[in-house]
Amino acid sequence: MSLLVRFAAAVAALVLVMATVVPVGVLGAQPVTPRDRLVVYVYDATDGAPLPQATVIVTLDGEAQRRYTDEEGRFYVNVPLSGRLEFTARRIGYKAATAVATLPVPRNRVEITLERTTATLATVEVNAGPVFAGIVASSTSQLPLRGATVSMTPGSARVQSDSMGRFALPTDGRTNITLSIRANGFAPRVVMERLLSDESREMVILLDTMTLVGNRLYQSLDDRDQRIRWQGLNAGAVGERELRASAPGLAAALRLSPSVAVKGMVLDDAACIFVDGDPRPGQTLDSFPTENVDLVEFYGSSGDYGGALRFLLDRWPKNSPCGSGASTVARSNRVAYIVVWTR
């Protein structure tokens, strides 16, 4: 029985339209966020639906940082008690929009609405069961990327995105899916999702340009792709959706994640932590808000540490201790190395 997967494969216009900064009131009682933490929502201007996977450039005093909205169409950003913030939001299929907020903002909440472009809807027919499908696009231009290679693990399924950036891969009932996405001139990306055996999933996958990430980070991302595809029995990775669903706080989310539990691994405070491929002696997991984390790799204290993993571990500074103390967990199932990848 065929499954129809519909894609809104539109080219995002780069015309800026002013968005509104909306104080909370009409939406009913909402939790108050701390004054040094702003919550930003991005909505569809037509039906008010939250927009996940929107890219938002946040500029404060001339310094810009990039954020992505989660499944609720939101993200958090730490802010001073006063100042002027500018937000530029983009999402494939929508016009770009800019919003300006002067701190403090009522209830520490900003809402940005995006107007849809005139979209050309395309229908792709997949003669299979459940599929993982989506659009590959540039994170900066929000334009679809043709010829991106999308590989699925486990298995050897591989396709290239079409002229509208679309792709579709049958899951064959797999519940733990890892996608590796590569395109010429862009940094590779890994996406991890947990599905039901009969569930299909659609998403927009954004790739950063080589100019944006630089050669050194590109090499780290390339090594990460190899590690995840060839991880051993005492190693694994946890994607952003699973982290957010597990628990608040990155340490607790990692400890309670199904991907760690299924490996029989135990996490304590003695692991060596790397961030975006760089060693961070003395760093703790809760230094990173979960919503700012894209992916976490974990590795046991024993295993075959050849190739890309050995290259990573060799970068740990000599005589620098890991974590915050000695471990009390048995060596065989202790998480010894953690690699945090930020958004």
Protein backbone atom coordinates (compact mmCIF):
# COMPACT_ATOMS: atom_id res chain seq x y z
CA MET A 1 0.00 0.00 0.00
CA SER A 2 1.50 3.30 -1.07
CA LEU A 3 2.12 6.14 1.31
CA LEU A 4 1.81 9.76 0.13
CA VAL A 5 4.26 12.12 1.70
CA ARG A 6 3.59 15.80 1.07
CA PHE A 7 6.30 18.38 1.15
CA ALA A 8 6.00 22.14 1.17
CA ALA A 9 9.11 22.70 -0.98
CA ALA A 10 9.08 26.47 -1.16
CA VAL A 11 11.95 28.89 -1.64
CA ALA A 12 12.15 31.18 1.39
CA ALA A 13 12.01 34.85 0.40
CA LEU A 14 14.58 37.15 1.94
CA VAL A 15 12.19 40.08 2.31
CA LEU A 16 12.12 41.24 5.93
CA VAL A 17 8.74 42.00 7.50
CA MET A 18 8.38 43.47 10.96
CA ALA A 19 7.17 41.04 13.61
CA THR A 20 5.56 41.94 16.89
CA VAL A 21 6.84 41.56 20.43
CA VAL A 22 3.75 40.28 22.27
CA PRO A 23 3.38 40.35 26.07
CA VAL A 24 1.67 37.29 27.50
CA GLY A 25 -1.94 37.84 28.47
CA VAL A 26 -4.39 36.48 25.97
CA LEU A 27 -2.74 33.07 26.09
CA GLY A 28 -3.67 32.55 29.74
CA ALA A 29 -1.43 31.81 32.67
CA GLN A 30 2.08 30.87 31.64
CA PRO A 31 5.10 30.02 33.79
CA VAL A 32 7.30 33.02 34.50
CA THR A 33 10.85 32.64 33.23
CA PRO A 34 13.76 34.16 35.19
CA ARG A 35 14.62 37.75 34.35
CA ASP A 36 17.97 36.75 32.88
CA ARG A 37 16.42 34.17 30.55
CA LEU A 38 14.16 35.07 27.64
CA VAL A 39 11.83 32.61 25.92
CA VAL A 40 11.21 33.26 22.22
CA TYR A 41 8.37 31.68 20.24
CA VAL A 42 8.02 31.57 16.44
CA TYR A 43 4.50 31.12 15.05
CA ASP A 44 2.77 30.76 11.70
CA ALA A 45 1.07 34.09 11.00
CA THR A 46 -1.89 32.39 9.31
CA ASP A 47 -3.03 29.77 11.80
CA GLY A 48 -0.91 30.53 14.87
CA ALA A 49 0.78 27.13 14.83
CA PRO A 50 4.25 26.93 16.44
CA LEU A 51 7.08 26.57 13.94
CA PRO A 52 9.82 24.07 14.84
CA GLN A 53 13.20 24.13 13.13
CA ALA A 54 13.11 27.86 12.47
CA THR A 55 16.52 29.59 12.47
CA VAL A 56 16.74 32.76 14.56
CA ILE A 57 19.72 35.11 14.66
CA VAL A 58 19.78 36.93 18.01
CA THR A 59 21.81 40.17 18.08
CA LEU A 60 22.67 41.98 21.32
CA ASP A 61 25.02 44.98 21.30
CA GLY A 62 26.37 43.99 17.90
CA GLU A 63 27.12 40.38 18.90
CA ALA A 64 25.08 37.73 17.07
CA GLN A 65 24.28 34.16 18.01
CA ARG A 66 22.19 31.60 16.14
CA ARG A 67 19.40 29.53 17.69
CA TYR A 68 16.86 27.01 16.45
CA THR A 69 13.30 26.53 17.66
CA ASP A 70 12.30 23.20 19.19
CA GLU A 71 9.14 21.15 18.58
CA GLU A 72 7.12 23.76 20.48
CA GLY A 73 8.45 26.52 18.21
CA ARG A 74 10.53 28.05 21.00
CA PHE A 75 14.05 28.56 22.31
CA TYR A 76 15.63 30.23 25.32
CA VAL A 77 18.35 32.85 25.42
CA ASN A 78 20.22 34.36 28.36
CA VAL A 79 19.96 38.14 28.38
CA PRO A 80 21.07 41.07 30.59
CA LEU A 81 18.51 43.02 32.58
CA SER A 82 18.58 45.90 30.10
CA GLY A 83 19.50 46.46 26.48
CA ARG A 84 18.17 46.12 22.94
CA LEU A 85 17.72 42.77 21.23
CA GLU A 86 17.09 42.10 17.55
CA PHE A 87 15.75 38.79 16.23
CA THR A 88 15.85 37.70 12.59
CA ALA A 89 13.82 34.54 11.99
CA ARG A 90 13.80 32.33 8.90
CA ARG A 91 12.19 29.04 8.01
CA ILE A 92 11.87 27.26 4.70
CA GLY A 93 8.50 28.07 3.14
CA TYR A 94 8.19 31.39 5.00
CA LYS A 95 9.30 34.98 4.57
CA ALA A 96 12.04 36.12 6.86
CA ALA A 97 11.01 38.42 9.69
CA THR A 98 12.72 40.68 12.17
CA ALA A 99 11.63 41.71 15.66
CA VAL A 100 13.12 44.21 18.09
CA ALA A 101 12.75 44.03 21.86
CA THR A 102 13.89 46.46 24.53
CA LEU A 103 14.73 44.77 27.82
CA PRO A 104 13.13 44.11 30.18
CA VAL A 105 10.29 42.47 28.21
CA PRO A 106 7.00 41.71 30.02
CA ARG A 107 6.97 38.11 31.28
CA ASN A 108 10.35 37.67 29.51
CA ARG A 109 8.56 36.38 26.42
CA VAL A 110 8.88 37.39 22.76
CA GLU A 111 6.69 36.13 19.92
CA ILE A 112 7.65 36.30 16.25
CA THR A 113 5.20 35.53 13.47
CA LEU A 114 6.25 34.40 9.98
CA GLU A 115 4.18 34.78 6.83
CA ARG A 116 4.04 31.93 4.37
CA THR A 117 5.47 32.29 0.90
CA THR A 118 3.51 31.18 -2.15
CA ALA A 119 4.41 27.51 -1.82
CA THR A 120 4.42 24.94 -4.57
CA LEU A 121 3.20 21.71 -3.02
CA ALA A 122 4.70 18.55 -4.40
CA THR A 123 3.62 14.98 -3.79
CA VAL A 124 6.11 12.16 -3.57
CA GLU A 125 4.74 8.65 -3.68
CA VAL A 126 6.71 6.07 -1.75
CA ASN A 127 5.73 2.46 -2.39
CA ALA A 128 6.72 1.27 1.03
CA GLY A 129 5.65 1.27 4.65
CA PRO A 130 6.75 3.96 7.09
CA VAL A 131 9.38 6.39 5.85
CA PHE A 132 11.75 9.03 7.15
CA ALA A 133 11.36 11.97 4.80
CA GLY A 134 12.12 15.65 4.65
CA ILE A 135 13.89 18.56 3.01
CA VAL A 136 17.60 19.39 3.17
CA ALA A 137 18.29 23.13 3.13
CA SER A 138 20.98 25.70 3.87
CA SER A 139 20.83 27.08 7.41
CA THR A 140 21.79 30.56 6.21
CA SER A 141 19.77 31.02 3.01
CA GLN A 142 16.97 28.56 3.91
CA LEU A 143 17.08 27.42 0.27
CA PRO A 144 16.66 23.71 -0.56
CA LEU A 145 19.85 21.79 -1.41
CA ARG A 146 19.90 19.51 -4.43
CA GLY A 147 22.15 16.44 -4.45
CA ALA A 148 22.67 16.14 -0.68
CA THR A 149 23.44 12.52 0.29
CA VAL A 150 21.26 11.13 3.08
CA SER A 151 22.34 7.79 4.58
CA MET A 152 20.44 5.76 7.16
CA THR A 153 21.90 3.61 9.96
CA PRO A 154 21.30 0.77 10.74
CA GLY A 155 21.35 -0.56 7.20
CA SER A 156 22.88 0.79 4.05
CA ALA A 157 19.98 2.81 2.58
CA ARG A 158 21.15 5.97 0.83
CA VAL A 159 19.46 8.57 -1.38
CA GLN A 160 20.18 12.01 -2.80
CA SER A 161 17.88 14.98 -2.35
CA ASP A 162 16.07 16.13 -5.47
CA SER A 163 15.92 19.61 -6.99
CA MET A 164 13.54 20.71 -4.23
CA GLY A 165 15.81 19.33 -1.50
CA ARG A 166 13.43 16.44 -0.79
CA PHE A 167 14.33 12.92 0.25
CA ALA A 168 12.52 9.82 1.54
CA LEU A 169 13.93 6.61 3.00
CA PRO A 170 11.87 3.59 4.13
CA THR A 171 12.50 2.74 7.77
CA ASP A 172 11.53 -0.94 7.39
CA GLY A 173 10.05 -0.85 10.87
CA ARG A 174 13.26 0.31 12.60
CA THR A 175 12.68 2.29 15.76
CA ASN A 176 16.13 3.89 16.28
CA ILE A 177 17.13 5.83 13.20
CA THR A 178 20.39 7.70 12.54
CA LEU A 179 20.66 9.85 9.43
CA SER A 180 23.96 11.14 8.08
CA ILE A 181 23.55 14.12 5.75
CA ARG A 182 26.32 15.46 3.52
CA ALA A 183 26.45 18.05 0.75
CA ASN A 184 29.35 19.67 -1.11
CA GLY A 185 30.40 22.91 0.56
CA PHE A 186 28.50 22.16 3.78
CA ALA A 187 29.43 20.61 7.11
CA PRO A 188 28.06 17.08 7.61
CA ARG A 189 25.22 16.59 10.06
CA VAL A 190 23.87 13.64 12.05
CA VAL A 191 20.19 13.40 13.02
CA MET A 192 18.96 10.77 15.49
CA GLU A 193 15.29 9.91 16.02
CA ARG A 194 13.33 7.26 17.92
CA LEU A 195 10.19 6.09 16.11
CA LEU A 196 7.39 3.61 16.56
CA SER A 197 7.70 0.59 14.26
CA ASP A 198 4.86 1.86 12.04
CA GLU A 199 5.63 5.58 12.35
CA SER A 200 6.71 7.93 9.57
CA ARG A 201 8.60 11.15 10.26
CA GLU A 202 9.09 14.36 8.27
CA MET A 203 11.52 17.14 9.08
CA VAL A 204 13.57 19.98 7.63
CA ILE A 205 17.32 19.37 8.01
CA LEU A 206 19.54 22.45 7.92
CA LEU A 207 23.22 22.31 6.98
CA ASP A 208 25.87 24.91 7.84
CA THR A 209 28.21 26.15 5.15
CA MET A 210 31.92 25.39 5.36
CA THR A 211 32.55 29.12 5.67
CA LEU A 212 30.36 29.22 8.77
CA VAL A 213 31.92 26.27 10.63
CA GLY A 214 35.56 26.52 9.48
CA ASN A 215 37.94 23.71 8.53
CA ARG A 216 38.76 22.61 12.08
CA LEU A 217 35.14 22.12 13.15
CA TYR A 218 34.38 20.49 9.80
CA GLN A 219 37.03 17.84 10.53
CA SER A 220 35.55 17.29 14.00
CA LEU A 221 32.08 16.85 12.51
CA ASP A 222 33.43 14.47 9.89
CA ASP A 223 35.09 12.39 12.63
CA ARG A 224 31.84 12.42 14.61
CA ASP A 225 29.97 11.01 11.63
CA GLN A 226 32.41 8.09 11.44
CA ARG A 227 32.24 7.40 15.19
CA ILE A 228 28.46 7.28 15.29
CA ARG A 229 28.20 5.00 12.27
CA TRP A 230 30.72 2.53 13.76
CA GLN A 231 30.02 2.80 17.50
CA GLY A 232 30.65 -0.33 19.58
CA LEU A 233 28.64 -2.15 22.22
CA ASN A 234 29.60 0.22 25.03
CA ALA A 235 29.07 3.43 23.07
CA GLY A 236 26.17 5.38 21.65
CA ALA A 237 24.63 8.77 20.98
CA VAL A 238 21.52 10.62 22.07
CA GLY A 239 19.68 13.08 19.82
CA GLU A 240 18.08 16.37 20.82
CA ARG A 241 14.48 15.13 20.82
CA GLU A 242 15.31 12.24 23.17
CA LEU A 243 17.28 14.53 25.49
CA ARG A 244 14.41 16.97 25.83
CA ALA A 245 11.92 14.20 26.50
CA SER A 246 13.99 12.52 29.21
CA ALA A 247 14.44 15.11 31.99
CA PRO A 248 15.32 18.76 32.63
CA GLY A 249 19.05 19.34 32.92
CA LEU A 250 21.54 17.71 30.59
CA ALA A 251 23.09 15.34 33.16
CA ALA A 252 19.71 13.94 34.24
CA ALA A 253 18.46 13.78 30.64
CA LEU A 254 21.48 11.73 29.61
CA ARG A 255 21.24 9.40 32.62
CA LEU A 256 17.55 8.69 31.96
CA SER A 257 17.68 8.49 28.17
CA PRO A 258 16.63 5.15 26.63
CA SER A 259 19.74 5.13 24.42
CA VAL A 260 22.02 5.04 27.48
CA ALA A 261 19.81 2.57 29.35
CA VAL A 262 19.63 0.07 26.49
CA LYS A 263 23.43 -0.10 26.45
CA GLY A 264 23.52 -0.82 30.19
CA MET A 265 25.79 2.16 30.74
CA VAL A 266 25.99 4.21 33.96
CA LEU A 267 26.85 7.91 34.05
CA ASP A 268 28.60 9.54 37.02
CA ASP A 269 30.55 12.80 37.48
CA ALA A 270 33.96 11.40 36.54
CA ALA A 271 33.64 11.37 32.73
CA CYS A 272 35.89 13.39 30.44
CA ILE A 273 33.76 15.97 28.63
CA PHE A 274 34.39 17.31 25.13
CA VAL A 275 32.39 20.18 23.60
CA ASP A 276 32.12 20.47 19.82
CA GLY A 277 35.19 18.25 19.57
CA ASP A 278 37.34 20.23 22.04
CA PRO A 279 38.38 18.91 25.50
CA ARG A 280 36.88 20.77 28.48
CA PRO A 281 38.64 19.74 31.71
CA GLY A 282 36.55 20.61 34.75
CA GLN A 283 33.38 21.17 32.71
CA THR A 284 30.07 19.75 33.97
CA LEU A 285 27.15 18.60 31.83
CA ASP A 286 24.72 20.99 33.47
CA SER A 287 26.82 23.90 32.19
CA PHE A 288 24.85 23.46 28.95
CA PRO A 289 21.08 24.08 28.75
CA THR A 290 19.48 21.03 27.15
CA GLU A 291 17.72 23.16 24.55
CA ASN A 292 21.12 24.32 23.24
CA VAL A 293 22.40 20.76 22.69
CA ASP A 294 22.08 19.07 19.31
CA LEU A 295 23.61 15.67 20.10
CA VAL A 296 25.59 13.85 22.82
CA GLU A 297 27.99 10.95 22.23
CA PHE A 298 28.97 8.62 25.10
CA TYR A 299 31.72 6.00 25.34
CA GLY A 300 32.60 3.40 27.95
CA SER A 301 35.91 3.17 29.76
CA SER A 302 36.90 0.08 27.79
CA GLY A 303 36.55 -0.67 24.11
CA ASP A 304 38.18 -0.46 20.71
CA TYR A 305 39.27 3.15 20.56
CA GLY A 306 40.75 3.21 17.11
CA GLY A 307 40.35 5.68 14.29
CA ALA A 308 38.32 8.83 14.84
CA LEU A 309 37.64 8.12 18.52
CA ARG A 310 41.31 7.64 19.35
CA PHE A 311 42.08 10.91 17.55
CA LEU A 312 39.54 12.65 19.80
CA LEU A 313 40.80 11.10 23.04
CA ASP A 314 44.42 11.94 22.20
CA ARG A 315 43.45 15.63 22.36
CA TRP A 316 42.73 15.47 26.11
CA PRO A 317 45.41 17.52 27.91
CA LYS A 318 47.98 15.41 29.73
CA ASN A 319 47.71 15.35 33.52
CA SER A 320 44.27 16.99 33.38
CA PRO A 321 41.70 15.11 35.49
CA CYS A 322 38.30 14.19 34.11
CA GLY A 323 35.07 15.19 35.79
CA SER A 324 34.74 16.15 39.44
CA GLY A 325 36.19 13.14 41.24
CA ALA A 326 36.96 9.44 41.27
CA SER A 327 34.33 7.09 39.90
CA THR A 328 32.57 4.50 42.04
CA VAL A 329 31.04 2.72 39.03
CA ALA A 330 32.40 -0.58 37.72
CA ARG A 331 34.78 -0.02 34.82
CA SER A 332 32.90 -2.37 32.48
CA ASN A 333 29.75 -0.24 32.22
CA ARG A 334 30.93 3.25 33.18
CA VAL A 335 30.56 6.16 30.77
CA ALA A 336 34.12 7.51 30.60
CA TYR A 337 33.94 9.98 27.69
CA ILE A 338 31.14 12.35 26.69
CA VAL A 339 31.07 14.57 23.61
CA VAL A 340 28.51 17.39 23.68
CA TRP A 341 27.55 19.03 20.38
CA THR A 342 25.88 22.40 20.73
CA ARG A 343 23.42 24.00 18.36
